[in-house]
C-alpha atoms as a PDB file:
ATOM      1  CA  GLN A   1      60.017  93.368 117.069  1.00  0.00           C
ATOM      2  CA  VAL A   2      57.622  91.728 119.511  1.00  0.00           C
ATOM      3  CA  GLN A   3      55.070  89.620 117.716  1.00  0.00           C
ATOM      4  CA  LEU A   4      52.966  86.471 117.755  1.00  0.00           C
ATOM      5  CA  VAL A   5      52.189  84.537 114.600  1.00  0.00           C
ATOM      6  CA  GLU A   6      49.466  81.920 114.417  1.00  0.00           C
ATOM      7  CA  SER A   7      49.444  79.081 111.900  1.00  0.00           C
ATOM      8  CA  GLY A   8      47.854  75.714 111.301  1.00  0.00           C
ATOM      9  CA  GLY A   9      44.332  76.724 110.442  1.00  0.00           C
ATOM     10  CA  GLY A  10      42.466  75.405 107.449  1.00  0.00           C
ATOM     11  CA  LEU A  11      39.451  73.537 106.204  1.00  0.00           C
ATOM     12  CA  VAL A  12      38.555  70.350 108.063  1.00  0.00           C
ATOM     13  CA  GLN A  13      35.572  68.020 108.123  1.00  0.00           C
ATOM     14  CA  PRO A  14      33.443  67.617 111.238  1.00  0.00           C
ATOM     15  CA  GLY A  15      35.161  65.258 113.625  1.00  0.00           C
ATOM     16  CA  GLY A  16      38.571  66.177 112.297  1.00  0.00           C
ATOM     17  CA  SER A  17      41.578  67.739 113.998  1.00  0.00           C
ATOM     18  CA  LEU A  18      43.974  70.601 113.545  1.00  0.00           C
ATOM     19  CA  ARG A  19      47.009  71.699 115.495  1.00  0.00           C
ATOM     20  CA  LEU A  20      47.284  75.449 115.759  1.00  0.00           C
ATOM     21  CA  SER A  21      50.615  77.059 116.544  1.00  0.00           C
ATOM     22  CA  CYS A  22      51.436  80.395 118.130  1.00  0.00           C
ATOM     23  CA  ALA A  23      55.057  81.345 117.542  1.00  0.00           C
ATOM     24  CA  ALA A  24      56.602  84.225 119.449  1.00  0.00           C
ATOM     25  CA  SER A  25      59.458  86.432 118.395  1.00  0.00           C
ATOM     26  CA  GLY A  26      61.124  89.388 120.030  1.00  0.00           C
ATOM     27  CA  PHE A  27      60.482  88.157 123.584  1.00  0.00           C
ATOM     28  CA  ARG A  28      60.883  85.080 125.784  1.00  0.00           C
ATOM     29  CA  LEU A  29      57.653  83.161 125.692  1.00  0.00           C
ATOM     30  CA  VAL A  30      58.652  81.224 128.824  1.00  0.00           C
ATOM     31  CA  ASP A  31      57.808  84.246 130.992  1.00  0.00           C
ATOM     32  CA  TYR A  32      54.312  84.700 129.584  1.00  0.00           C
ATOM     33  CA  ALA A  33      50.877  83.173 129.768  1.00  0.00           C
ATOM     34  CA  ILE A  34      49.360  82.578 126.350  1.00  0.00           C
ATOM     35  CA  GLY A  35      45.663  82.678 125.691  1.00  0.00           C
ATOM     36  CA  TRP A  36      43.800  81.362 122.676  1.00  0.00           C
ATOM     37  CA  PHE A  37      40.711  83.197 121.523  1.00  0.00           C
ATOM     38  CA  ARG A  38      38.347  82.807 118.627  1.00  0.00           C
ATOM     39  CA  GLN A  39      35.828  84.966 116.844  1.00  0.00           C
ATOM     40  CA  ALA A  40      33.169  83.646 114.544  1.00  0.00           C
ATOM     41  CA  PRO A  41      31.436  85.876 111.983  1.00  0.00           C
ATOM     42  CA  GLY A  42      28.877  88.049 113.687  1.00  0.00           C
ATOM     43  CA  LYS A  43      29.847  86.888 117.157  1.00  0.00           C
ATOM     44  CA  GLU A  44      31.895  88.304 119.986  1.00  0.00           C
ATOM     45  CA  ARG A  45      35.434  87.152 120.639  1.00  0.00           C
ATOM     46  CA  GLU A  46      35.561  84.154 122.958  1.00  0.00           C
ATOM     47  CA  GLY A  47      38.433  83.116 125.190  1.00  0.00           C
ATOM     48  CA  ILE A  48      38.828  79.366 124.845  1.00  0.00           C
ATOM     49  CA  SER A  49      42.055  78.373 126.552  1.00  0.00           C
ATOM     50  CA  CYS A  50      45.044  79.697 128.402  1.00  0.00           C
ATOM     51  CA  ILE A  51      48.333  78.307 129.654  1.00  0.00           C
ATOM     52  CA  THR A  52      50.365  80.043 132.333  1.00  0.00           C
ATOM     53  CA  SER A  53      54.113  80.469 132.324  1.00  0.00           C
ATOM     54  CA  ASP A  54      54.222  77.509 134.744  1.00  0.00           C
ATOM     55  CA  GLY A  55      52.252  75.330 132.346  1.00  0.00           C
ATOM     56  CA  ASN A  56      48.882  75.352 134.092  1.00  0.00           C
ATOM     57  CA  ALA A  57      46.065  75.161 131.571  1.00  0.00           C
ATOM     58  CA  ASP A  58      42.448  76.220 131.580  1.00  0.00           C
ATOM     59  CA  TYR A  59      39.644  75.764 129.063  1.00  0.00           C
ATOM     60  CA  ALA A  60      36.257  77.170 128.243  1.00  0.00           C
ATOM     61  CA  ASP A  61      33.396  74.715 128.621  1.00  0.00           C
ATOM     62  CA  SER A  62      32.793  74.903 124.878  1.00  0.00           C
ATOM     63  CA  VAL A  63      36.128  73.214 124.126  1.00  0.00           C
ATOM     64  CA  LYS A  64      36.920  71.279 127.301  1.00  0.00           C
ATOM     65  CA  GLY A  65      37.730  67.658 126.544  1.00  0.00           C
ATOM     66  CA  ARG A  66      38.313  68.366 122.856  1.00  0.00           C
ATOM     67  CA  PHE A  67      41.089  70.974 122.784  1.00  0.00           C
ATOM     68  CA  THR A  68      44.506  70.741 124.455  1.00  0.00           C
ATOM     69  CA  ILE A  69      46.900  73.618 124.959  1.00  0.00           C
ATOM     70  CA  SER A  70      50.624  73.036 125.390  1.00  0.00           C
ATOM     71  CA  ARG A  71      53.846  74.952 125.195  1.00  0.00           C
ATOM     72  CA  ASP A  72      57.363  74.287 123.949  1.00  0.00           C
ATOM     73  CA  ASN A  73      59.475  77.019 125.483  1.00  0.00           C
ATOM     74  CA  ALA A  74      62.567  75.862 123.618  1.00  0.00           C
ATOM     75  CA  LYS A  75      60.744  76.616 120.369  1.00  0.00           C
ATOM     76  CA  ASN A  76      59.093  79.744 121.777  1.00  0.00           C
ATOM     77  CA  THR A  77      55.773  78.297 120.643  1.00  0.00           C
ATOM     78  CA  VAL A  78      52.401  77.423 122.136  1.00  0.00           C
ATOM     79  CA  TYR A  79      50.115  74.900 120.513  1.00  0.00           C
ATOM     80  CA  LEU A  80      46.386  74.297 120.520  1.00  0.00           C
ATOM     81  CA  GLN A  81      45.441  70.776 119.525  1.00  0.00           C
ATOM     82  CA  THR A  82      41.835  70.826 118.353  1.00  0.00           C
ATOM     83  CA  ASN A  83      40.033  67.483 118.104  1.00  0.00           C
ATOM     84  CA  SER A  84      36.470  66.402 117.366  1.00  0.00           C
ATOM     85  CA  LEU A  85      35.864  69.647 115.558  1.00  0.00           C
ATOM     86  CA  LYS A  86      32.295  70.801 115.046  1.00  0.00           C
ATOM     87  CA  HIS A  87      30.675  73.299 112.703  1.00  0.00           C
ATOM     88  CA  GLY A  88      30.413  75.660 115.663  1.00  0.00           C
ATOM     89  CA  ASP A  89      34.209  75.753 115.974  1.00  0.00           C
ATOM     90  CA  THR A  90      34.469  77.652 112.696  1.00  0.00           C
ATOM     91  CA  ALA A  91      36.146  80.966 113.525  1.00  0.00           C
ATOM     92  CA  ASP A  92      39.299  83.017 113.321  1.00  0.00           C
ATOM     93  CA  TYR A  93      41.640  81.863 116.069  1.00  0.00           C
ATOM     94  CA  TYR A  94      44.020  84.242 117.801  1.00  0.00           C
ATOM     95  CA  CYS A  95      46.704  83.898 120.436  1.00  0.00           C
ATOM     96  CA  ALA A  96      47.730  86.609 122.866  1.00  0.00           C
ATOM     97  CA  ALA A  97      50.391  87.064 125.533  1.00  0.00           C
ATOM     98  CA  LEU A  98      50.142  88.274 129.118  1.00  0.00           C
ATOM     99  CA  PHE A  99      53.002  88.301 131.596  1.00  0.00           C
ATOM    100  CA  SER A 100      53.064  85.194 133.790  1.00  0.00           C
ATOM    101  CA  GLU A 101      49.395  84.452 134.605  1.00  0.00           C
ATOM    102  CA  CYS A 102      46.194  84.098 132.624  1.00  0.00           C
ATOM    103  CA  GLY A 103      43.762  86.945 133.069  1.00  0.00           C
ATOM    104  CA  SER A 104      42.686  90.117 131.335  1.00  0.00           C
ATOM    105  CA  GLY A 105      44.665  92.807 129.577  1.00  0.00           C
ATOM    106  CA  TYR A 106      46.559  90.765 127.000  1.00  0.00           C
ATOM    107  CA  ASP A 107      48.976  93.189 125.415  1.00  0.00           C
ATOM    108  CA  THR A 108      50.364  91.337 122.410  1.00  0.00           C
ATOM    109  CA  TRP A 109      48.119  89.711 119.829  1.00  0.00           C
ATOM    110  CA  GLY A 110      48.670  87.715 116.701  1.00  0.00           C
ATOM    111  CA  ARG A 111      46.810  88.319 113.471  1.00  0.00           C
ATOM    112  CA  GLY A 112      44.913  85.064 113.560  1.00  0.00           C
ATOM    113  CA  THR A 113      44.471  81.851 111.624  1.00  0.00           C
ATOM    114  CA  GLN A 114      41.195  80.756 110.111  1.00  0.00           C
ATOM    115  CA  VAL A 115      39.548  77.449 110.973  1.00  0.00           C
ATOM    116  CA  THR A 116      36.628  76.259 108.869  1.00  0.00           C
ATOM    117  CA  VAL A 117      34.766  73.098 109.810  1.00  0.00           C
ATOM    118  CA  SER A 118      32.643  71.934 106.917  1.00  0.00           C
ATOM    119  CA  SER A 119      31.668  68.769 105.109  1.00  0.00           C
END
């Protein structure tokens, strides 16, 4: 069964950090680009980062300099290190897979992990 499972979310104070994980099963993650998205209550889903199968990374301006995406193909997992978290980062975070390059039309999605930034 092809699936992605996110983990690592939780409650964190402003300025804190979390490492989110996106674990793949049923397919070889090495061949796929992985995007991270988030959706806050009442807001549209936002693409925040993507890493290609070759390891090239891209970030939305809203997270650039604070978030870092990486991949461990041996563990079939992609990570999103989130630092200097702000209240505005509170959202459900999702990962999704697309063959080879970042773009549109992600065809496999995880169920999400919740990040709450609050003092």
